[in-house]
Amino acid sequence: MYALTGEERAGHRLTRFENGPVLPTTRLVGMERRGWRRGEPQDNGVEQWLSRRVGPDLYVVIADLTELTTL
């Protein structure tokens, strides 16, 4: 578990986690059991992000932006 810095809390990106490890799809899909939700299927049924609500109007989103066409 990680705590947000003041700068991260005030911002909209968590740059220290960008370019992090690449995980197998099975690990990402397994996050649903821990409260994460898969994104809407896009072209060819590809789900390009996972999200989790962490506050009233605050979400954490994990996305592969190299392939993302619509969000």
Foldseek 3Di string as FASTA:
>chain_A
DDDDDPVRVPDDDDVVCPPHDDDDPVVVVVCVVVAKDFAAQDPPGDGFKIWHDDDPPDIDIDGDVVPDDDD
